[in-house]
C-alpha atoms as a PDB file:
ATOM      1  CA  MET A   1    -104.351 -46.291  67.455  1.00  0.00           C
ATOM      2  CA  THR A   2    -107.426 -43.832  66.838  1.00  0.00           C
ATOM      3  CA  THR A   3    -106.528 -41.556  63.433  1.00  0.00           C
ATOM      4  CA  ILE A   4    -107.410 -38.540  61.965  1.00  0.00           C
ATOM      5  CA  ILE A   5    -108.374 -41.312  59.030  1.00  0.00           C
ATOM      6  CA  ASP A   6    -110.894 -42.510  61.624  1.00  0.00           C
ATOM      7  CA  VAL A   7    -112.094 -39.151  62.760  1.00  0.00           C
ATOM      8  CA  ALA A   8    -113.271 -38.303  58.978  1.00  0.00           C
ATOM      9  CA  LYS A   9    -115.329 -41.515  58.184  1.00  0.00           C
ATOM     10  CA  LYS A  10    -117.162 -41.076  61.460  1.00  0.00           C
ATOM     11  CA  ALA A  11    -117.669 -37.006  60.784  1.00  0.00           C
ATOM     12  CA  GLY A  12    -118.408 -37.821  56.844  1.00  0.00           C
ATOM     13  CA  VAL A  13    -115.696 -35.775  55.737  1.00  0.00           C
ATOM     14  CA  SER A  14    -112.172 -35.054  53.916  1.00  0.00           C
ATOM     15  CA  LYS A  15    -109.404 -36.274  55.774  1.00  0.00           C
ATOM     16  CA  SER A  16    -108.353 -32.523  55.182  1.00  0.00           C
ATOM     17  CA  THR A  17    -111.439 -31.319  57.652  1.00  0.00           C
ATOM     18  CA  VAL A  18    -110.395 -32.519  60.411  1.00  0.00           C
ATOM     19  CA  SER A  19    -106.937 -30.852  59.737  1.00  0.00           C
ATOM     20  CA  ARG A  20    -108.683 -27.630  59.971  1.00  0.00           C
ATOM     21  CA  VAL A  21    -110.502 -28.675  62.603  1.00  0.00           C
ATOM     22  CA  VAL A  22    -107.565 -29.829  64.431  1.00  0.00           C
ATOM     23  CA  SER A  23    -105.305 -27.254  63.660  1.00  0.00           C
ATOM     24  CA  ASN A  24    -108.086 -24.363  63.753  1.00  0.00           C
ATOM     25  CA  LYS A  25    -106.782 -23.272  59.865  1.00  0.00           C
ATOM     26  CA  GLY A  26    -109.062 -22.372  57.923  1.00  0.00           C
ATOM     27  CA  TYR A  27    -113.042 -22.077  57.373  1.00  0.00           C
ATOM     28  CA  VAL A  28    -115.187 -24.847  58.720  1.00  0.00           C
ATOM     29  CA  SER A  29    -118.263 -24.575  59.212  1.00  0.00           C
ATOM     30  CA  GLN A  30    -119.855 -24.184  62.542  1.00  0.00           C
ATOM     31  CA  GLU A  31    -122.300 -27.395  61.565  1.00  0.00           C
ATOM     32  CA  THR A  32    -119.296 -29.739  60.410  1.00  0.00           C
ATOM     33  CA  ARG A  33    -117.502 -29.198  63.356  1.00  0.00           C
ATOM     34  CA  GLN A  34    -119.592 -30.047  66.191  1.00  0.00           C
ATOM     35  CA  LYS A  35    -119.709 -33.415  63.550  1.00  0.00           C
ATOM     36  CA  ILE A  36    -115.566 -33.329  63.429  1.00  0.00           C
ATOM     37  CA  GLU A  37    -115.240 -32.719  67.757  1.00  0.00           C
ATOM     38  CA  LYS A  38    -117.731 -35.174  68.003  1.00  0.00           C
ATOM     39  CA  ALA A  39    -116.677 -37.124  66.639  1.00  0.00           C
ATOM     40  CA  MET A  40    -113.208 -36.754  68.109  1.00  0.00           C
ATOM     41  CA  HIS A  41    -114.859 -37.202  71.211  1.00  0.00           C
ATOM     42  CA  GLU A  42    -116.806 -40.503  70.965  1.00  0.00           C
ATOM     43  CA  LEU A  43    -113.630 -42.283  69.570  1.00  0.00           C
ATOM     44  CA  GLY A  44    -111.266 -40.698  71.807  1.00  0.00           C
ATOM     45  CA  TYR A  45    -109.247 -38.961  69.108  1.00  0.00           C
ATOM     46  CA  ILE A  46    -106.196 -36.819  70.664  1.00  0.00           C
ATOM     47  CA  PRO A  47    -104.016 -34.638  68.623  1.00  0.00           C
ATOM     48  CA  ASN A  48    -100.627 -35.676  68.257  1.00  0.00           C
ATOM     49  CA  MET A  49     -99.267 -31.737  68.797  1.00  0.00           C
ATOM     50  CA  LEU A  50     -95.842 -33.087  68.810  1.00  0.00           C
ATOM     51  CA  ALA A  51     -96.315 -34.290  65.323  1.00  0.00           C
ATOM     52  CA  ARG A  52     -98.209 -31.405  64.088  1.00  0.00           C
ATOM     53  CA  ASN A  53     -95.371 -29.435  66.068  1.00  0.00           C
ATOM     54  CA  LEU A  54     -92.433 -31.458  64.054  1.00  0.00           C
ATOM     55  CA  GLN A  55     -94.753 -30.930  60.457  1.00  0.00           C
ATOM     56  CA  SER A  56     -94.776 -26.579  61.132  1.00  0.00           C
ATOM     57  CA  GLY A  57     -91.311 -26.767  62.557  1.00  0.00           C
ATOM     58  CA  LEU A  58     -92.418 -24.664  65.631  1.00  0.00           C
ATOM     59  CA  THR A  59     -93.900 -25.514  69.145  1.00  0.00           C
ATOM     60  CA  LYS A  60     -95.215 -22.019  69.019  1.00  0.00           C
ATOM     61  CA  THR A  61     -93.873 -22.003  72.622  1.00  0.00           C
ATOM     62  CA  ILE A  62     -91.077 -19.756  74.245  1.00  0.00           C
ATOM     63  CA  ALA A  63     -88.953 -19.695  77.271  1.00  0.00           C
ATOM     64  CA  PHE A  64     -88.982 -16.956  79.413  1.00  0.00           C
ATOM     65  CA  ILE A  65     -86.059 -17.844  81.631  1.00  0.00           C
ATOM     66  CA  SER A  66     -85.440 -15.301  85.297  1.00  0.00           C
ATOM     67  CA  HIS A  67     -83.962 -16.141  88.077  1.00  0.00           C
ATOM     68  CA  ASP A  68     -87.740 -15.443  90.007  1.00  0.00           C
ATOM     69  CA  PHE A  69     -90.614 -13.950  90.061  1.00  0.00           C
ATOM     70  CA  ASN A  70     -90.988 -10.776  91.609  1.00  0.00           C
ATOM     71  CA  GLN A  71     -93.120  -7.026  90.745  1.00  0.00           C
ATOM     72  CA  HIS A  72     -91.169  -6.535  88.211  1.00  0.00           C
ATOM     73  CA  THR A  73     -91.074  -9.841  86.742  1.00  0.00           C
ATOM     74  CA  SER A  74     -95.027 -10.490  86.750  1.00  0.00           C
ATOM     75  CA  ILE A  75     -94.752  -6.419  84.441  1.00  0.00           C
ATOM     76  CA  PHE A  76     -92.490  -7.794  81.734  1.00  0.00           C
ATOM     77  CA  LEU A  77     -94.325 -11.326  81.847  1.00  0.00           C
ATOM     78  CA  ASN A  78     -97.545 -10.270  81.799  1.00  0.00           C
ATOM     79  CA  ALA A  79     -96.594  -7.423  79.092  1.00  0.00           C
ATOM     80  CA  PHE A  80     -94.838  -9.996  77.045  1.00  0.00           C
ATOM     81  CA  THR A  81     -97.661 -12.480  77.112  1.00  0.00           C
ATOM     82  CA  LYS A  82    -100.079 -10.412  76.033  1.00  0.00           C
ATOM     83  CA  THR A  83     -98.704 -10.392  72.601  1.00  0.00           C
ATOM     84  CA  ALA A  84     -97.153 -14.176  73.340  1.00  0.00           C
ATOM     85  CA  LEU A  85    -100.813 -14.929  73.485  1.00  0.00           C
ATOM     86  CA  ASP A  86    -102.215 -12.321  69.812  1.00  0.00           C
ATOM     87  CA  HIS A  87     -99.610 -14.110  67.895  1.00  0.00           C
ATOM     88  CA  ASP A  88    -101.090 -17.705  69.027  1.00  0.00           C
ATOM     89  CA  PHE A  89     -98.100 -18.239  71.253  1.00  0.00           C
ATOM     90  CA  TYR A  90     -97.714 -19.924  74.989  1.00  0.00           C
ATOM     91  CA  VAL A  91     -94.660 -18.994  76.784  1.00  0.00           C
ATOM     92  CA  ASN A  92     -93.722 -20.850  79.870  1.00  0.00           C
ATOM     93  CA  LEU A  93     -91.825 -19.356  82.754  1.00  0.00           C
ATOM     94  CA  TYR A  94     -89.130 -21.036  83.823  1.00  0.00           C
ATOM     95  CA  VAL A  95     -87.509 -19.579  87.254  1.00  0.00           C
ATOM     96  CA  THR A  96     -83.448 -21.185  87.906  1.00  0.00           C
ATOM     97  CA  GLY A  97     -82.970 -19.324  91.061  1.00  0.00           C
ATOM     98  CA  GLY A  98     -78.979 -18.105  90.091  1.00  0.00           C
ATOM     99  CA  ASP A  99     -78.245 -21.082  89.314  1.00  0.00           C
ATOM    100  CA  LYS A 100     -76.150 -21.457  87.237  1.00  0.00           C
ATOM    101  CA  ASP A 101     -76.536 -25.449  85.172  1.00  0.00           C
ATOM    102  CA  LYS A 102     -80.118 -25.082  85.161  1.00  0.00           C
ATOM    103  CA  GLU A 103     -79.815 -21.565  82.978  1.00  0.00           C
ATOM    104  CA  LEU A 104     -77.781 -24.379  80.655  1.00  0.00           C
ATOM    105  CA  ASP A 105     -80.912 -26.504  81.220  1.00  0.00           C
ATOM    106  CA  ALA A 106     -83.531 -23.911  80.452  1.00  0.00           C
ATOM    107  CA  LEU A 107     -81.341 -22.974  77.318  1.00  0.00           C
ATOM    108  CA  ASN A 108     -80.269 -26.592  76.217  1.00  0.00           C
ATOM    109  CA  LEU A 109     -84.475 -26.853  75.213  1.00  0.00           C
ATOM    110  CA  MET A 110     -83.754 -25.025  72.465  1.00  0.00           C
ATOM    111  CA  LYS A 111     -81.162 -26.846  71.266  1.00  0.00           C
ATOM    112  CA  TYR A 112     -83.916 -30.008  72.280  1.00  0.00           C
ATOM    113  CA  LYS A 113     -86.359 -28.194  69.703  1.00  0.00           C
ATOM    114  CA  GLN A 114     -89.362 -28.093  72.855  1.00  0.00           C
ATOM    115  CA  VAL A 115     -88.719 -24.600  72.442  1.00  0.00           C
ATOM    116  CA  ASP A 116     -88.457 -22.463  69.412  1.00  0.00           C
ATOM    117  CA  ALA A 117     -87.016 -19.059  71.169  1.00  0.00           C
ATOM    118  CA  ILE A 118     -85.729 -17.491  74.468  1.00  0.00           C
ATOM    119  CA  PHE A 119     -86.424 -14.720  76.353  1.00  0.00           C
ATOM    120  CA  ILE A 120     -83.645 -13.953  78.853  1.00  0.00           C
ATOM    121  CA  PHE A 121     -84.927 -11.454  82.110  1.00  0.00           C
ATOM    122  CA  THR A 122     -82.375 -12.379  84.522  1.00  0.00           C
ATOM    123  CA  ARG A 123     -79.259 -14.053  83.942  1.00  0.00           C
ATOM    124  CA  SER A 124     -76.758 -16.296  86.381  1.00  0.00           C
ATOM    125  CA  ASN A 125     -74.371 -17.201  82.958  1.00  0.00           C
ATOM    126  CA  SER A 126     -71.274 -14.410  81.669  1.00  0.00           C
ATOM    127  CA  TRP A 127     -73.260 -13.649  77.446  1.00  0.00           C
ATOM    128  CA  ASP A 128     -70.265 -15.620  76.246  1.00  0.00           C
ATOM    129  CA  LYS A 129     -71.462 -18.785  77.546  1.00  0.00           C
ATOM    130  CA  ILE A 130     -74.743 -18.143  76.419  1.00  0.00           C
ATOM    131  CA  ILE A 131     -74.414 -16.536  72.641  1.00  0.00           C
ATOM    132  CA  PRO A 132     -73.289 -19.981  71.073  1.00  0.00           C
ATOM    133  CA  PHE A 133     -76.582 -21.335  72.421  1.00  0.00           C
ATOM    134  CA  LYS A 134     -78.055 -18.319  69.461  1.00  0.00           C
ATOM    135  CA  LYS A 135     -77.272 -21.053  66.690  1.00  0.00           C
ATOM    136  CA  PHE A 136     -80.497 -23.614  68.138  1.00  0.00           C
ATOM    137  CA  GLY A 137     -82.047 -20.380  68.006  1.00  0.00           C
ATOM    138  CA  PRO A 138     -83.572 -16.392  68.376  1.00  0.00           C
ATOM    139  CA  ILE A 139     -82.841 -15.086  71.412  1.00  0.00           C
ATOM    140  CA  SER A 140     -83.339 -11.285  72.941  1.00  0.00           C
ATOM    141  CA  THR A 141     -83.224  -9.804  76.443  1.00  0.00           C
ATOM    142  CA  TRP A 142     -83.778  -6.129  78.662  1.00  0.00           C
ATOM    143  CA  HIS A 143     -81.016  -6.421  79.550  1.00  0.00           C
ATOM    144  CA  ARG A 144     -78.299  -4.148  77.915  1.00  0.00           C
ATOM    145  CA  ILE A 145     -75.981  -6.005  75.388  1.00  0.00           C
ATOM    146  CA  ASP A 146     -74.054  -4.804  71.755  1.00  0.00           C
ATOM    147  CA  SER A 147     -73.987  -8.307  70.042  1.00  0.00           C
ATOM    148  CA  PRO A 148     -75.120  -9.468  66.670  1.00  0.00           C
ATOM    149  CA  ASP A 149     -76.102 -12.730  68.215  1.00  0.00           C
ATOM    150  CA  ILE A 150     -78.587 -11.502  70.919  1.00  0.00           C
ATOM    151  CA  TYR A 151     -80.985  -8.624  70.378  1.00  0.00           C
ATOM    152  CA  SER A 152     -81.495  -6.080  73.236  1.00  0.00           C
ATOM    153  CA  SER A 153     -83.969  -4.045  73.937  1.00  0.00           C
ATOM    154  CA  TYR A 154     -82.866  -1.938  76.777  1.00  0.00           C
ATOM    155  CA  VAL A 155     -83.541   2.230  77.518  1.00  0.00           C
ATOM    156  CA  ASN A 156     -80.709   4.249  78.051  1.00  0.00           C
ATOM    157  CA  GLN A 157     -80.360   5.125  81.643  1.00  0.00           C
ATOM    158  CA  TYR A 158     -77.116   7.146  80.862  1.00  0.00           C
ATOM    159  CA  GLU A 159     -80.420   9.076  79.931  1.00  0.00           C
ATOM    160  CA  SER A 160     -82.549   9.007  82.561  1.00  0.00           C
ATOM    161  CA  TYR A 161     -80.421   8.894  85.316  1.00  0.00           C
ATOM    162  CA  LEU A 162     -79.528  12.279  83.769  1.00  0.00           C
ATOM    163  CA  MET A 163     -82.491  13.824  83.687  1.00  0.00           C
ATOM    164  CA  SER A 164     -83.465  12.692  86.902  1.00  0.00           C
ATOM    165  CA  LEU A 165     -81.180  14.381  89.074  1.00  0.00           C
ATOM    166  CA  GLU A 166     -81.541  17.801  86.807  1.00  0.00           C
ATOM    167  CA  PHE A 167     -84.969  17.171  88.020  1.00  0.00           C
ATOM    168  CA  LEU A 168     -84.828  16.756  91.906  1.00  0.00           C
ATOM    169  CA  LEU A 169     -82.149  20.216  91.549  1.00  0.00           C
ATOM    170  CA  THR A 170     -84.908  22.133  89.830  1.00  0.00           C
ATOM    171  CA  ARG A 171     -87.061  21.334  92.735  1.00  0.00           C
ATOM    172  CA  GLY A 172     -84.387  22.674  95.634  1.00  0.00           C
ATOM    173  CA  TYR A 173     -82.138  19.991  96.588  1.00  0.00           C
ATOM    174  CA  GLN A 174     -78.277  20.412  97.188  1.00  0.00           C
ATOM    175  CA  SER A 175     -77.882  16.705  98.940  1.00  0.00           C
ATOM    176  CA  ILE A 176     -78.727  13.692  97.355  1.00  0.00           C
ATOM    177  CA  GLY A 177     -77.683   9.552  98.888  1.00  0.00           C
ATOM    178  CA  HIS A 178     -77.986   7.365  95.371  1.00  0.00           C
ATOM    179  CA  ILE A 179     -79.625   2.880  95.782  1.00  0.00           C
ATOM    180  CA  LEU A 180     -78.211   1.200  92.658  1.00  0.00           C
ATOM    181  CA  GLY A 181     -78.064  -2.612  92.080  1.00  0.00           C
ATOM    182  CA  ASP A 182     -75.595  -4.777  91.002  1.00  0.00           C
ATOM    183  CA  GLU A 183     -72.038  -3.095  89.869  1.00  0.00           C
ATOM    184  CA  ASN A 184     -71.087  -5.749  87.012  1.00  0.00           C
ATOM    185  CA  ASN A 185     -74.573  -4.454  85.424  1.00  0.00           C
ATOM    186  CA  LYS A 186     -74.643  -2.153  82.132  1.00  0.00           C
ATOM    187  CA  ASN A 187     -77.904  -0.016  83.522  1.00  0.00           C
ATOM    188  CA  THR A 188     -76.363   0.123  86.684  1.00  0.00           C
ATOM    189  CA  ILE A 189     -72.382   1.126  85.047  1.00  0.00           C
ATOM    190  CA  ALA A 190     -74.436   4.308  82.970  1.00  0.00           C
ATOM    191  CA  ARG A 191     -76.053   5.244  86.272  1.00  0.00           C
ATOM    192  CA  ILE A 192     -73.169   6.219  87.524  1.00  0.00           C
ATOM    193  CA  LYS A 193     -70.930   7.470  85.320  1.00  0.00           C
ATOM    194  CA  ALA A 194     -74.386   9.835  84.703  1.00  0.00           C
ATOM    195  CA  LEU A 195     -73.714  10.159  88.215  1.00  0.00           C
ATOM    196  CA  ASN A 196     -70.522  11.422  88.067  1.00  0.00           C
ATOM    197  CA  HIS A 197     -71.086  13.352  85.091  1.00  0.00           C
ATOM    198  CA  PHE A 198     -74.259  15.076  87.409  1.00  0.00           C
ATOM    199  CA  TYR A 199     -71.339  16.011  89.683  1.00  0.00           C
ATOM    200  CA  ASP A 200     -68.708  17.405  87.270  1.00  0.00           C
ATOM    201  CA  TYR A 201     -71.694  19.965  85.303  1.00  0.00           C
ATOM    202  CA  HIS A 202     -72.894  20.854  89.134  1.00  0.00           C
ATOM    203  CA  PRO A 203     -68.775  21.587  91.143  1.00  0.00           C
ATOM    204  CA  GLU A 204     -71.361  23.917  94.033  1.00  0.00           C
ATOM    205  CA  LEU A 205     -73.044  20.705  94.752  1.00  0.00           C
ATOM    206  CA  LYS A 206     -71.096  17.608  97.104  1.00  0.00           C
ATOM    207  CA  LYS A 207     -70.834  14.065  96.191  1.00  0.00           C
ATOM    208  CA  ASP A 208     -71.651  12.605  99.582  1.00  0.00           C
ATOM    209  CA  CYS A 209     -69.610   9.147  99.074  1.00  0.00           C
ATOM    210  CA  ASP A 210     -71.013   7.241 102.715  1.00  0.00           C
ATOM    211  CA  TRP A 211     -74.235   7.509 100.572  1.00  0.00           C
ATOM    212  CA  ILE A 212     -73.759   6.261  96.867  1.00  0.00           C
ATOM    213  CA  PHE A 213     -74.483   2.438  97.063  1.00  0.00           C
ATOM    214  CA  VAL A 214     -74.379  -0.290  94.669  1.00  0.00           C
ATOM    215  CA  ASN A 215     -74.901  -3.713  94.586  1.00  0.00           C
ATOM    216  CA  SER A 216     -78.282  -3.615  96.547  1.00  0.00           C
ATOM    217  CA  SER A 217     -80.558  -6.750  96.402  1.00  0.00           C
ATOM    218  CA  HIS A 218     -84.528  -6.622  96.489  1.00  0.00           C
ATOM    219  CA  LEU A 219     -84.787  -7.980 100.578  1.00  0.00           C
ATOM    220  CA  ASN A 220     -85.079  -4.746 102.858  1.00  0.00           C
ATOM    221  CA  THR A 221     -82.799  -2.552 101.422  1.00  0.00           C
ATOM    222  CA  GLY A 222     -85.272  -0.205 101.613  1.00  0.00           C
ATOM    223  CA  ARG A 223     -85.854  -0.755 105.602  1.00  0.00           C
ATOM    224  CA  HIS A 224     -82.189  -0.611 106.318  1.00  0.00           C
ATOM    225  CA  ILE A 225     -82.096   2.765 103.713  1.00  0.00           C
ATOM    226  CA  ALA A 226     -84.655   4.497 105.562  1.00  0.00           C
ATOM    227  CA  GLN A 227     -83.361   3.496 109.496  1.00  0.00           C
ATOM    228  CA  LYS A 228     -79.911   4.189 107.995  1.00  0.00           C
ATOM    229  CA  TRP A 229     -81.665   8.178 106.987  1.00  0.00           C
ATOM    230  CA  ALA A 230     -83.047   8.483 110.759  1.00  0.00           C
ATOM    231  CA  SER A 231     -80.066   7.932 112.292  1.00  0.00           C
ATOM    232  CA  SER A 232     -77.638   9.260 110.757  1.00  0.00           C
ATOM    233  CA  VAL A 233     -75.463  13.157 111.348  1.00  0.00           C
ATOM    234  CA  HIS A 234     -75.362  14.271 107.817  1.00  0.00           C
ATOM    235  CA  LYS A 235     -78.393  13.289 105.333  1.00  0.00           C
ATOM    236  CA  PRO A 236     -79.427  13.488 102.111  1.00  0.00           C
ATOM    237  CA  ASP A 237     -81.958  15.291 101.195  1.00  0.00           C
ATOM    238  CA  GLY A 238     -83.655  13.768  99.090  1.00  0.00           C
ATOM    239  CA  LEU A 239     -82.244   9.419  97.451  1.00  0.00           C
ATOM    240  CA  VAL A 240     -82.971   8.101  94.052  1.00  0.00           C
ATOM    241  CA  PHE A 241     -83.642   4.562  94.036  1.00  0.00           C
ATOM    242  CA  TYR A 242     -82.753   2.720  91.310  1.00  0.00           C
ATOM    243  CA  THR A 243     -86.537   0.530  91.537  1.00  0.00           C
ATOM    244  CA  ASP A 244     -90.153   1.630  92.791  1.00  0.00           C
ATOM    245  CA  PHE A 245     -90.467  -1.392  94.684  1.00  0.00           C
ATOM    246  CA  ILE A 246     -87.165  -0.977  97.200  1.00  0.00           C
ATOM    247  CA  ALA A 247     -88.150   3.102  96.719  1.00  0.00           C
ATOM    248  CA  ALA A 248     -92.088   2.266  98.096  1.00  0.00           C
ATOM    249  CA  GLU A 249     -90.163  -0.545 101.062  1.00  0.00           C
ATOM    250  CA  CYS A 250     -88.058   3.220 101.949  1.00  0.00           C
ATOM    251  CA  ILE A 251     -91.438   5.303 102.304  1.00  0.00           C
ATOM    252  CA  SER A 252     -92.890   2.026 104.293  1.00  0.00           C
ATOM    253  CA  GLU A 253     -90.332   2.372 106.585  1.00  0.00           C
ATOM    254  CA  LEU A 254     -89.654   5.761 106.969  1.00  0.00           C
ATOM    255  CA  GLN A 255     -93.719   6.462 107.778  1.00  0.00           C
ATOM    256  CA  LEU A 256     -93.151   4.155 110.630  1.00  0.00           C
ATOM    257  CA  LEU A 257     -90.488   6.764 111.517  1.00  0.00           C
ATOM    258  CA  GLY A 258     -92.339   9.232 111.732  1.00  0.00           C
ATOM    259  CA  ILE A 259     -90.320  10.800 108.875  1.00  0.00           C
ATOM    260  CA  LYS A 260     -92.536  12.666 106.549  1.00  0.00           C
ATOM    261  CA  VAL A 261     -92.017  12.171 102.864  1.00  0.00           C
ATOM    262  CA  PRO A 262     -90.587  14.736 100.901  1.00  0.00           C
ATOM    263  CA  GLU A 263     -91.142  17.284 104.031  1.00  0.00           C
ATOM    264  CA  ASP A 264     -88.671  15.516 104.882  1.00  0.00           C
ATOM    265  CA  LEU A 265     -87.078  13.646 102.488  1.00  0.00           C
ATOM    266  CA  GLY A 266     -87.949  13.004  98.674  1.00  0.00           C
ATOM    267  CA  ILE A 267     -87.649   9.939  97.324  1.00  0.00           C
ATOM    268  CA  MET A 268     -87.888   9.337  94.144  1.00  0.00           C
ATOM    269  CA  GLY A 269     -87.728   4.984  91.880  1.00  0.00           C
ATOM    270  CA  PHE A 270     -87.861   4.432  88.948  1.00  0.00           C
ATOM    271  CA  ASP A 271     -89.760   2.524  86.529  1.00  0.00           C
ATOM    272  CA  ASN A 272     -93.169   3.548  87.311  1.00  0.00           C
ATOM    273  CA  SER A 273     -94.679   0.534  88.331  1.00  0.00           C
ATOM    274  CA  THR A 274     -98.219  -0.607  90.218  1.00  0.00           C
ATOM    275  CA  ILE A 275     -96.591   0.103  93.758  1.00  0.00           C
ATOM    276  CA  SER A 276     -95.268   3.956  92.001  1.00  0.00           C
ATOM    277  CA  GLU A 277     -99.362   5.076  91.810  1.00  0.00           C
ATOM    278  CA  ILE A 278    -100.175   3.401  95.306  1.00  0.00           C
ATOM    279  CA  VAL A 279     -97.526   5.036  96.657  1.00  0.00           C
ATOM    280  CA  HIS A 280     -97.291   8.049  95.051  1.00  0.00           C
ATOM    281  CA  LEU A 281     -94.192   8.049  93.357  1.00  0.00           C
ATOM    282  CA  THR A 282     -92.472  10.810  91.614  1.00  0.00           C
ATOM    283  CA  THR A 283     -90.353   8.298  88.812  1.00  0.00           C
ATOM    284  CA  VAL A 284     -89.272   7.348  85.375  1.00  0.00           C
ATOM    285  CA  ASP A 285     -91.322   5.699  82.930  1.00  0.00           C
ATOM    286  CA  CYS A 286     -89.252   3.550  81.185  1.00  0.00           C
ATOM    287  CA  HIS A 287     -92.313   2.111  79.482  1.00  0.00           C
ATOM    288  CA  LEU A 288     -91.763  -2.181  80.191  1.00  0.00           C
ATOM    289  CA  GLU A 289     -94.417  -2.600  78.576  1.00  0.00           C
ATOM    290  CA  THR A 290     -93.052  -1.503  75.256  1.00  0.00           C
ATOM    291  CA  GLN A 291     -89.550  -3.489  75.465  1.00  0.00           C
ATOM    292  CA  ALA A 292     -91.653  -5.898  76.347  1.00  0.00           C
ATOM    293  CA  LEU A 293     -93.584  -6.157  72.937  1.00  0.00           C
ATOM    294  CA  ASN A 294     -89.635  -5.704  71.346  1.00  0.00           C
ATOM    295  CA  CYS A 295     -88.689  -8.474  72.944  1.00  0.00           C
ATOM    296  CA  PHE A 296     -91.060 -10.927  71.866  1.00  0.00           C
ATOM    297  CA  ASN A 297     -91.970  -9.046  68.568  1.00  0.00           C
ATOM    298  CA  TYR A 298     -88.627 -10.270  67.643  1.00  0.00           C
ATOM    299  CA  LEU A 299     -87.956 -13.903  68.409  1.00  0.00           C
ATOM    300  CA  HIS A 300     -91.459 -13.700  66.008  1.00  0.00           C
ATOM    301  CA  SER A 301     -90.287 -11.914  63.029  1.00  0.00           C
ATOM    302  CA  GLN A 302     -87.322 -14.148  63.136  1.00  0.00           C
ATOM    303  CA  LEU A 303     -88.552 -17.423  63.968  1.00  0.00           C
ATOM    304  CA  LYS A 304     -91.298 -16.355  61.149  1.00  0.00           C
ATOM    305  CA  GLN A 305     -88.613 -15.024  59.099  1.00  0.00           C
ATOM    306  CA  LEU A 306     -90.690 -11.241  58.719  1.00  0.00           C
ATOM    307  CA  ASP A 307     -89.477  -7.924  58.806  1.00  0.00           C
ATOM    308  CA  PHE A 308     -88.945  -6.316  62.211  1.00  0.00           C
ATOM    309  CA  LYS A 309     -89.239  -2.956  63.387  1.00  0.00           C
ATOM    310  CA  PRO A 310     -88.786  -1.945  67.328  1.00  0.00           C
ATOM    311  CA  LYS A 311     -91.189   0.486  68.456  1.00  0.00           C
ATOM    312  CA  ASP A 312     -89.443   3.496  70.084  1.00  0.00           C
ATOM    313  CA  ILE A 313     -88.934   3.928  73.737  1.00  0.00           C
ATOM    314  CA  THR A 314     -89.408   6.998  75.590  1.00  0.00           C
ATOM    315  CA  GLN A 315     -87.556   8.620  78.965  1.00  0.00           C
ATOM    316  CA  ASP A 316     -90.234  10.163  81.096  1.00  0.00           C
ATOM    317  CA  LEU A 317     -91.251  11.420  84.321  1.00  0.00           C
ATOM    318  CA  VAL A 318     -94.251  10.501  85.975  1.00  0.00           C
ATOM    319  CA  ILE A 319     -94.398  13.731  89.497  1.00  0.00           C
ATOM    320  CA  ARG A 320     -96.127  12.300  91.976  1.00  0.00           C
ATOM    321  CA  SER A 321     -96.529  13.527  95.415  1.00  0.00           C
ATOM    322  CA  SER A 322     -92.784  12.081  97.084  1.00  0.00           C
ATOM    323  CA  THR A 323     -91.025  15.239  95.780  1.00  0.00           C
ATOM    324  CA  LYS A 324     -91.769  18.512  96.490  1.00  0.00           C
END
């Protein structure tokens, strides 16, 4: 087996010079680099990445765990990966399909030093099951979790949801429907709290429980909501969706049904994703890119023993033509 010493002899340089080329660290002149690369090619030398990783203590790889790959995942993963590349780190995506055992398999990668850190986009196991893996390396998430063991870069959904409802009220919407996510999700819990407080603050408004939906999955939810609205006798004049994708799907179906937005019905989403621009959707920008940046930077700072200071995350109303 060809070694780094064989390459150094053939190129007529020191072992340390070859090492700098292999690790891409430290200065090596272009002429010398070309000689070394030529020697490596001729000898068929393949750097032992495992040995290098063991020596440095890092694989420079982070596991990104998600149930599936959707628009949310794409936005977050793109921002997370760009930040990782800026720091010379790799990101491996592990899609679990919501399988608890597959998620544990992905978490075990850190235990066996195949990855350095874990980012959890969506989870299947309880946090109590996940937290013990912290002893093998840092973990971050964008889910709301109050734990000293897992870093969470989350947005205050109570404030953002209350802001969205107050905005709709100022635009003349008196009857509002609410399409929310998983009832056990802390973001959903925060939004329900905001919803209840909103109606407490405005007793003149009626809270129609028939138009409060929780556990709304992505698949065809927007279309079903549009069809329900079209067939209902008592219709809200505005709908708020917990994600832009479902809101956009609703708008698409409303158009097929001949219902005008916002003349007949106002629609509002959350996230300010690309699809919200395409369909001119009023939404709330929770700055997913900044959340991704904070999540990676936390992991990187833990691995490199650096100080960590997260960027502030604002919540900004983005007004487009889907509302009056």
